[in-house]
Amino acid sequence: MTTAPAEFAIVPSSRPRTTAERAAALDRLSFGVEFTDHMARATWTVDGGWQGHRVEGFAPLELSPAASVLHYGQEIFEGLKAYRHADGSAWAFRPEANARRFQASARRLAMPELPVEDFLASIRALVETDLEWVPDTAGASLYLRPFMISTEAFLGVRPSHRYEYLVIASPVGPYFVNGFQPVSIWVAEDYHRAGPGGTGNAKFGGNYAASLLPQQTAYARGFDQVCFLDAGTATNLEELGGMNVFVVGSDGVVRTPALTGTILEGVTRSSILTLLADEGAPVEECDIPLAGLLAGIRDGSVSEVFACGTAAVITPIGRLAGESFDVTVGDGAAGPVTARLFTQLTDIQFGHAEDPHGWMQPLA
């Protein structure tokens, strides 16, 4: 059952950027560095529930040093984008899926669930307010970051009695500086992102914090990203630090690690599975042993490997390495399946192609 969304009152920023300042920011797009003039916000208390829905000026938060998020880590977030279409309108890609995943993350972290309708209303209100910040440059978009933190000032191990929900927005270019080009991946065999019964299927800051040290090691070795193996056996691929992974066989079969509770259920992952099903491609959600993957890359039975997520959409993987191996996938370039899926998805997102599944939702 759906309910009417909360109305987000608009409180204009007292310090909006000038037209020239905004234009300069949109000319130097990177990822997650520039932010728009406003943010959406709501507060939850144990006595009053959700209240204070508003859009206000982007500004620092005031937190007590005893705020529970700083001590016990109750924090969740989401990531989605607003895409500028040719007629000037702005659209989101499957935002209701992000809203439901936000609720699932909240349940796992013992936090209050924000109604789907309020999640959608918050991003719509923010994009309407900061519509001029949605880039119209090819391949660029407005990245939206909804998040929730526990803010009650107390020192005690229990769920907080107060939470702040916010949405901030950042105009972005490609996640990887070289755009749709193959990346190199270091396989972490001595660190794990998540374990059975943990928080691996929640979009929780702690999962990403756990990935930073092996990611730093990968960078130091000259690699773009790190891939984790399962914590139970340390033999099967799970996911990258922030992206799901797919393997394409020379026989046309596409495989991706099954969702076992330790892997984030990516919206892009789900969309790729749907696109593959539409064309009748054989797909398997299963264990992918690292040893078998390496053997397949070496004998040619694995022709492509790619990663996917909201930030980069789809990224070809050209090289896979670890302590005892270093292999090139195919000829090191983006393969045809990877390239086709990237084009299909981005054409739908930017309004260049038909949207048969009704994935795009208008924001402004």
Protein backbone atom coordinates (compact mmCIF):
# COMPACT_ATOMS: atom_id res chain seq x y z
CA MET A 1 0.00 0.00 0.00
CA THR A 2 1.30 3.44 -0.93
CA THR A 3 0.79 6.60 1.08
CA ALA A 4 0.87 10.23 0.06
CA PRO A 5 4.43 11.56 0.08
CA ALA A 6 5.46 14.16 2.60
CA GLU A 7 5.68 17.70 1.28
CA PHE A 8 9.20 19.11 1.37
CA ALA A 9 9.07 22.80 2.21
CA ILE A 10 11.55 24.90 0.22
CA VAL A 11 13.81 27.18 2.26
CA PRO A 12 16.05 28.89 -0.35
CA SER A 13 19.75 29.09 0.32
CA SER A 14 20.93 32.45 1.58
CA ARG A 15 24.22 31.96 -0.30
CA PRO A 16 23.49 30.45 -3.73
CA ARG A 17 26.30 30.45 -6.25
CA THR A 18 26.16 33.05 -9.00
CA THR A 19 25.46 32.00 -12.57
CA ALA A 20 29.16 32.41 -13.35
CA GLU A 21 30.23 30.34 -10.35
CA ARG A 22 27.82 27.56 -11.25
CA ALA A 23 28.98 27.58 -14.88
CA ALA A 24 32.61 27.32 -13.76
CA ALA A 25 31.75 24.35 -11.52
CA LEU A 26 29.94 22.61 -14.37
CA ASP A 27 32.97 23.17 -16.61
CA ARG A 28 35.34 21.33 -14.26
CA LEU A 29 33.34 18.18 -13.64
CA SER A 30 35.06 15.32 -11.86
CA PHE A 31 33.28 13.03 -9.37
CA GLY A 32 31.87 14.08 -6.01
CA VAL A 33 33.84 17.30 -5.59
CA GLU A 34 31.35 20.07 -6.41
CA PHE A 35 27.98 20.31 -4.64
CA THR A 36 24.75 22.12 -5.45
CA ASP A 37 23.22 24.98 -3.47
CA HIS A 38 20.66 22.95 -1.52
CA MET A 39 20.03 19.68 0.31
CA ALA A 40 16.86 17.83 1.26
CA ARG A 41 16.36 16.94 4.91
CA ALA A 42 14.03 15.25 7.40
CA THR A 43 14.33 14.25 11.05
CA TRP A 44 13.13 11.15 12.88
CA THR A 45 12.63 10.91 16.63
CA VAL A 46 11.45 8.00 18.71
CA ASP A 47 8.48 10.04 19.94
CA GLY A 48 7.52 11.93 16.80
CA GLY A 49 8.52 9.76 13.85
CA TRP A 50 9.43 11.51 10.60
CA GLN A 51 9.06 15.29 10.63
CA GLY A 52 10.58 18.54 9.38
CA HIS A 53 10.68 17.59 5.69
CA ARG A 54 12.39 20.45 3.86
CA VAL A 55 14.89 21.57 1.25
CA GLU A 56 17.40 24.04 2.64
CA GLY A 57 20.77 25.55 1.84
CA PHE A 58 23.74 23.20 1.60
CA ALA A 59 25.68 23.81 4.81
CA PRO A 60 27.74 22.07 7.50
CA LEU A 61 25.88 19.90 10.00
CA GLU A 62 25.95 20.63 13.71
CA LEU A 63 26.60 17.46 15.70
CA SER A 64 27.33 16.78 19.33
CA PRO A 65 30.71 15.09 19.89
CA ALA A 66 28.58 12.41 21.57
CA ALA A 67 26.40 11.85 18.46
CA SER A 68 25.96 8.10 18.21
CA VAL A 69 26.98 7.92 14.55
CA LEU A 70 30.49 8.95 15.61
CA HIS A 71 30.77 6.11 18.10
CA TYR A 72 28.59 3.23 16.91
CA GLY A 73 28.44 3.81 13.17
CA GLN A 74 24.71 3.82 12.45
CA GLU A 75 24.90 5.23 8.93
CA ILE A 76 23.47 4.17 5.58
CA PHE A 77 23.41 5.78 2.15
CA GLU A 78 22.32 5.43 -1.46
CA GLY A 79 23.58 6.61 -4.82
CA LEU A 80 21.58 7.48 -7.93
CA LYS A 81 21.66 10.07 -10.69
CA ALA A 82 19.53 12.71 -12.37
CA TYR A 83 19.99 12.69 -16.16
CA ARG A 84 19.37 15.68 -18.41
CA HIS A 85 17.29 14.82 -21.47
CA ALA A 86 17.26 16.68 -24.76
CA ASP A 87 14.14 18.70 -23.88
CA GLY A 88 15.80 20.03 -20.73
CA SER A 89 13.94 17.78 -18.29
CA ALA A 90 15.68 15.72 -15.59
CA TRP A 91 15.00 12.04 -14.99
CA ALA A 92 16.04 9.36 -12.47
CA PHE A 93 16.80 5.73 -13.27
CA ARG A 94 14.78 3.27 -11.16
CA PRO A 95 14.72 5.48 -8.04
CA GLU A 96 12.11 3.27 -6.38
CA ALA A 97 14.69 0.45 -6.33
CA ASN A 98 17.09 2.71 -4.45
CA ALA A 99 14.27 3.66 -2.05
CA ARG A 100 13.52 0.00 -1.28
CA ARG A 101 17.21 -0.80 -0.82
CA PHE A 102 17.51 2.19 1.53
CA GLN A 103 14.73 0.66 3.60
CA ALA A 104 16.48 -2.73 3.61
CA SER A 105 19.74 -1.13 4.75
CA ALA A 106 17.87 0.69 7.52
CA ARG A 107 16.33 -2.56 8.75
CA ARG A 108 19.74 -4.23 8.91
CA LEU A 109 21.26 -1.33 10.88
CA ALA A 110 18.26 -1.05 13.26
CA MET A 111 17.36 2.38 11.87
CA PRO A 112 13.90 3.79 11.02
CA GLU A 113 12.66 3.10 7.50
CA LEU A 114 11.92 6.13 5.34
CA PRO A 115 8.74 5.59 3.29
CA VAL A 116 9.45 5.00 -0.40
CA GLU A 117 7.17 7.91 -1.28
CA ASP A 118 9.17 10.29 0.94
CA PHE A 119 12.47 9.11 -0.54
CA LEU A 120 11.16 9.85 -4.04
CA ALA A 121 9.68 13.18 -2.94
CA SER A 122 13.00 14.24 -1.42
CA ILE A 123 15.03 13.70 -4.58
CA ARG A 124 12.32 15.29 -6.71
CA ALA A 125 12.18 18.38 -4.49
CA LEU A 126 15.96 18.76 -4.48
CA VAL A 127 16.34 18.34 -8.25
CA GLU A 128 13.48 20.76 -8.91
CA THR A 129 15.18 23.31 -6.66
CA ASP A 130 18.65 22.82 -8.16
CA LEU A 131 17.62 21.96 -11.72
CA GLU A 132 20.18 24.34 -13.20
CA TRP A 133 22.89 22.14 -11.65
CA VAL A 134 21.97 19.11 -13.78
CA PRO A 135 24.71 19.04 -16.45
CA ASP A 136 23.86 18.90 -20.14
CA THR A 137 27.37 17.75 -21.15
CA ALA A 138 27.46 14.36 -22.87
CA GLY A 139 27.93 11.59 -20.31
CA ALA A 140 27.58 13.91 -17.30
CA SER A 141 24.82 13.79 -14.69
CA LEU A 142 23.80 15.01 -11.25
CA TYR A 143 24.81 12.41 -8.66
CA LEU A 144 22.35 12.19 -5.76
CA ARG A 145 23.49 10.95 -2.36
CA PRO A 146 20.66 10.21 0.11
CA PHE A 147 21.95 9.18 3.53
CA MET A 148 20.84 8.74 7.12
CA ILE A 149 22.87 9.13 10.33
CA SER A 150 22.12 8.61 14.02
CA THR A 151 22.42 11.91 15.88
CA GLU A 152 21.29 11.31 19.45
CA ALA A 153 23.96 12.46 21.91
CA PHE A 154 24.62 9.44 24.10
CA LEU A 155 27.24 6.81 24.83
CA GLY A 156 25.55 3.44 25.01
CA VAL A 157 25.22 0.52 22.65
CA ARG A 158 21.63 0.65 21.41
CA PRO A 159 19.80 2.15 18.44
CA SER A 160 19.65 5.91 18.49
CA HIS A 161 16.45 7.79 19.36
CA ARG A 162 17.11 10.46 16.72
CA TYR A 163 18.19 10.35 13.06
CA GLU A 164 18.76 12.84 10.28
CA TYR A 165 17.96 11.97 6.67
CA LEU A 166 19.61 14.13 4.02
CA VAL A 167 20.09 14.23 0.26
CA ILE A 168 23.00 16.13 -1.26
CA ALA A 169 23.78 16.46 -4.96
CA SER A 170 26.97 16.69 -6.99
CA PRO A 171 27.31 17.37 -10.74
CA VAL A 172 29.67 14.68 -12.03
CA GLY A 173 31.57 13.50 -15.04
CA PRO A 174 32.80 9.90 -15.51
CA TYR A 175 33.68 8.00 -12.32
CA PHE A 176 36.92 6.79 -13.88
CA VAL A 177 38.89 9.66 -15.39
CA ASN A 178 39.37 7.83 -18.69
CA GLY A 179 35.66 7.11 -19.07
CA PHE A 180 34.61 3.83 -20.71
CA GLN A 181 38.06 2.27 -20.82
CA PRO A 182 39.32 -1.02 -19.36
CA VAL A 183 40.49 -0.90 -15.76
CA SER A 184 42.99 -3.08 -13.91
CA ILE A 185 41.86 -5.01 -10.83
CA TRP A 186 43.86 -6.31 -7.89
CA VAL A 187 42.31 -9.37 -6.20
CA ALA A 188 42.55 -9.12 -2.40
CA GLU A 189 43.21 -12.61 -1.06
CA ASP A 190 43.97 -11.62 2.54
CA TYR A 191 41.16 -9.12 3.23
CA HIS A 192 37.39 -9.54 2.93
CA ARG A 193 34.70 -6.95 2.43
CA ALA A 194 31.96 -8.77 4.39
CA GLY A 195 31.13 -12.12 5.95
CA PRO A 196 28.04 -14.33 6.32
CA GLY A 197 25.49 -12.77 8.64
CA GLY A 198 27.19 -9.38 8.40
CA THR A 199 26.24 -6.19 6.60
CA GLY A 200 27.45 -7.03 3.09
CA ASN A 201 24.01 -6.63 1.51
CA ALA A 202 23.41 -3.23 3.16
CA LYS A 203 24.70 0.02 1.72
CA PHE A 204 26.50 0.82 4.93
CA GLY A 205 29.55 3.03 5.35
CA GLY A 206 31.39 0.41 7.39
CA ASN A 207 31.54 -1.94 4.40
CA TYR A 208 33.35 0.73 2.42
CA ALA A 209 35.66 1.60 5.30
CA ALA A 210 36.69 -2.06 5.42
CA SER A 211 37.63 -1.90 1.74
CA LEU A 212 39.91 1.15 1.99
CA LEU A 213 43.12 -0.51 3.14
CA PRO A 214 43.13 -3.16 0.38
CA GLN A 215 42.05 -0.46 -2.07
CA GLN A 216 45.02 1.63 -0.97
CA THR A 217 47.27 -1.39 -1.54
CA ALA A 218 45.82 -1.83 -5.02
CA TYR A 219 46.47 1.84 -5.86
CA ALA A 220 50.05 1.54 -4.62
CA ARG A 221 50.57 -1.38 -6.99
CA GLY A 222 49.22 0.64 -9.92
CA PHE A 223 45.72 -0.86 -10.09
CA ASP A 224 42.41 0.96 -10.44
CA GLN A 225 40.23 -1.11 -8.11
CA VAL A 226 40.24 -4.10 -5.77
CA CYS A 227 38.10 -7.25 -5.98
CA PHE A 228 37.18 -9.27 -2.90
CA LEU A 229 36.74 -13.01 -2.44
CA ASP A 230 34.19 -14.68 -0.16
CA ALA A 231 35.11 -14.74 3.51
CA GLY A 232 34.04 -18.36 3.99
CA THR A 233 36.41 -20.08 1.56
CA ALA A 234 38.48 -17.23 0.07
CA THR A 235 38.03 -18.88 -3.34
CA ASN A 236 35.00 -17.24 -4.99
CA LEU A 237 34.62 -13.78 -6.49
CA GLU A 238 32.21 -11.51 -4.64
CA GLU A 239 32.41 -7.86 -5.70
CA LEU A 240 34.67 -4.88 -6.10
CA GLY A 241 34.92 -2.26 -3.39
CA GLY A 242 31.80 -0.57 -4.75
CA MET A 243 30.73 -2.48 -7.87
CA ASN A 244 29.24 -5.83 -8.85
CA VAL A 245 31.12 -8.05 -11.32
CA PHE A 246 30.13 -10.08 -14.41
CA VAL A 247 32.00 -12.72 -16.43
CA VAL A 248 31.23 -13.41 -20.11
CA GLY A 249 32.13 -16.79 -21.58
CA SER A 250 33.15 -17.39 -25.19
CA ASP A 251 30.06 -19.64 -25.36
CA GLY A 252 27.85 -16.60 -24.67
CA VAL A 253 26.97 -17.53 -21.09
CA VAL A 254 27.07 -14.54 -18.71
CA ARG A 255 27.74 -15.25 -15.04
CA THR A 256 27.63 -13.09 -11.93
CA PRO A 257 28.08 -14.01 -8.27
CA ALA A 258 24.84 -15.09 -6.62
CA LEU A 259 23.35 -12.88 -3.92
CA THR A 260 24.08 -14.75 -0.70
CA GLY A 261 23.71 -11.95 1.82
CA THR A 262 27.31 -10.77 1.60
CA ILE A 263 26.97 -8.93 -1.74
CA LEU A 264 25.14 -5.66 -2.38
CA GLU A 265 22.16 -6.10 -4.67
CA GLY A 266 23.07 -3.47 -7.24
CA VAL A 267 20.39 -1.64 -9.22
CA THR A 268 22.66 -1.65 -12.27
CA ARG A 269 23.32 -5.38 -11.75
CA SER A 270 19.58 -6.08 -11.70
CA SER A 271 19.06 -3.97 -14.82
CA ILE A 272 21.80 -5.82 -16.72
CA LEU A 273 20.19 -9.15 -15.85
CA THR A 274 16.90 -7.85 -17.24
CA LEU A 275 18.50 -6.61 -20.48
CA LEU A 276 20.24 -9.96 -20.96
CA ALA A 277 16.97 -11.81 -20.36
CA ASP A 278 15.25 -9.58 -22.93
CA GLU A 279 17.64 -10.79 -25.61
CA GLY A 280 17.52 -14.42 -24.50
CA ALA A 281 21.14 -14.55 -23.37
CA PRO A 282 21.97 -17.42 -21.00
CA VAL A 283 22.66 -16.05 -17.53
CA GLU A 284 23.84 -17.80 -14.38
CA GLU A 285 23.87 -16.35 -10.86
CA CYS A 286 26.36 -18.69 -9.22
CA ASP A 287 29.68 -19.13 -7.46
CA ILE A 288 32.60 -18.00 -9.61
CA PRO A 289 35.80 -19.62 -8.33
CA LEU A 290 38.86 -17.47 -8.88
CA ALA A 291 40.89 -20.49 -10.04
CA GLY A 292 38.31 -21.34 -12.70
CA LEU A 293 38.11 -17.73 -13.84
CA LEU A 294 41.88 -17.49 -14.26
CA ALA A 295 41.95 -20.78 -16.18
CA GLY A 296 39.16 -19.52 -18.43
CA ILE A 297 40.94 -16.25 -19.14
CA ARG A 298 44.12 -18.12 -20.01
CA ASP A 299 42.48 -20.68 -22.33
CA GLY A 300 40.08 -18.18 -23.91
CA SER A 301 36.85 -19.67 -22.57
CA VAL A 302 36.33 -16.41 -20.66
CA SER A 303 36.18 -13.57 -23.17
CA GLU A 304 35.08 -10.57 -21.07
CA VAL A 305 34.91 -9.42 -17.47
CA PHE A 306 33.19 -6.20 -16.43
CA ALA A 307 32.07 -4.35 -13.31
CA CYS A 308 28.92 -2.32 -12.84
CA GLY A 309 27.41 0.22 -10.48
CA THR A 310 25.57 3.54 -10.43
CA ALA A 311 28.70 5.70 -10.44
CA ALA A 312 30.47 4.19 -13.47
CA VAL A 313 27.47 2.29 -14.98
CA ILE A 314 29.55 -0.42 -16.70
CA THR A 315 33.34 -0.65 -16.72
CA PRO A 316 35.34 -3.22 -18.72
CA ILE A 317 38.05 -5.07 -16.81
CA GLY A 318 41.17 -5.55 -18.91
CA ARG A 319 43.58 -6.96 -16.35
CA LEU A 320 43.22 -9.12 -13.26
CA ALA A 321 46.13 -9.69 -10.89
CA GLY A 322 47.01 -10.99 -7.43
CA GLU A 323 50.04 -12.17 -5.49
CA SER A 324 50.60 -15.17 -7.76
CA PHE A 325 48.96 -14.24 -11.07
CA ASP A 326 48.61 -11.44 -13.60
CA VAL A 327 46.37 -12.03 -16.60
CA THR A 328 44.94 -9.95 -19.44
CA VAL A 329 41.27 -10.49 -20.25
CA GLY A 330 40.91 -11.15 -23.98
CA ASP A 331 42.96 -8.56 -25.80
CA GLY A 332 42.69 -6.11 -22.90
CA ALA A 333 40.04 -4.00 -24.61
CA ALA A 334 36.30 -3.66 -23.93
CA GLY A 335 34.46 -6.66 -25.34
CA PRO A 336 31.32 -6.55 -27.48
CA VAL A 337 28.89 -7.67 -24.76
CA THR A 338 30.27 -5.11 -22.30
CA ALA A 339 30.14 -2.32 -24.88
CA ARG A 340 26.63 -3.23 -26.02
CA LEU A 341 25.22 -3.30 -22.48
CA PHE A 342 26.89 0.02 -21.64
CA THR A 343 25.32 1.65 -24.70
CA GLN A 344 21.90 0.12 -24.02
CA LEU A 345 21.82 1.33 -20.44
CA THR A 346 23.18 4.82 -21.00
CA ASP A 347 20.92 5.38 -24.02
CA ILE A 348 17.91 4.58 -21.83
CA GLN A 349 19.19 6.78 -19.00
CA PHE A 350 19.81 9.82 -21.21
CA GLY A 351 16.58 9.39 -23.17
CA HIS A 352 18.23 8.34 -26.44
CA ALA A 353 16.45 4.98 -26.61
CA GLU A 354 13.08 3.45 -25.78
CA ASP A 355 12.49 2.59 -22.13
CA PRO A 356 10.47 -0.65 -22.39
CA HIS A 357 10.52 -1.38 -18.65
CA GLY A 358 9.51 2.09 -17.49
CA TRP A 359 12.74 2.52 -15.56
CA MET A 360 13.04 6.28 -16.03
CA GLN A 361 11.05 8.53 -13.70
CA PRO A 362 10.64 12.30 -14.29
CA LEU A 363 12.03 14.58 -11.59
CA ALA A 364 11.78 18.07 -13.07
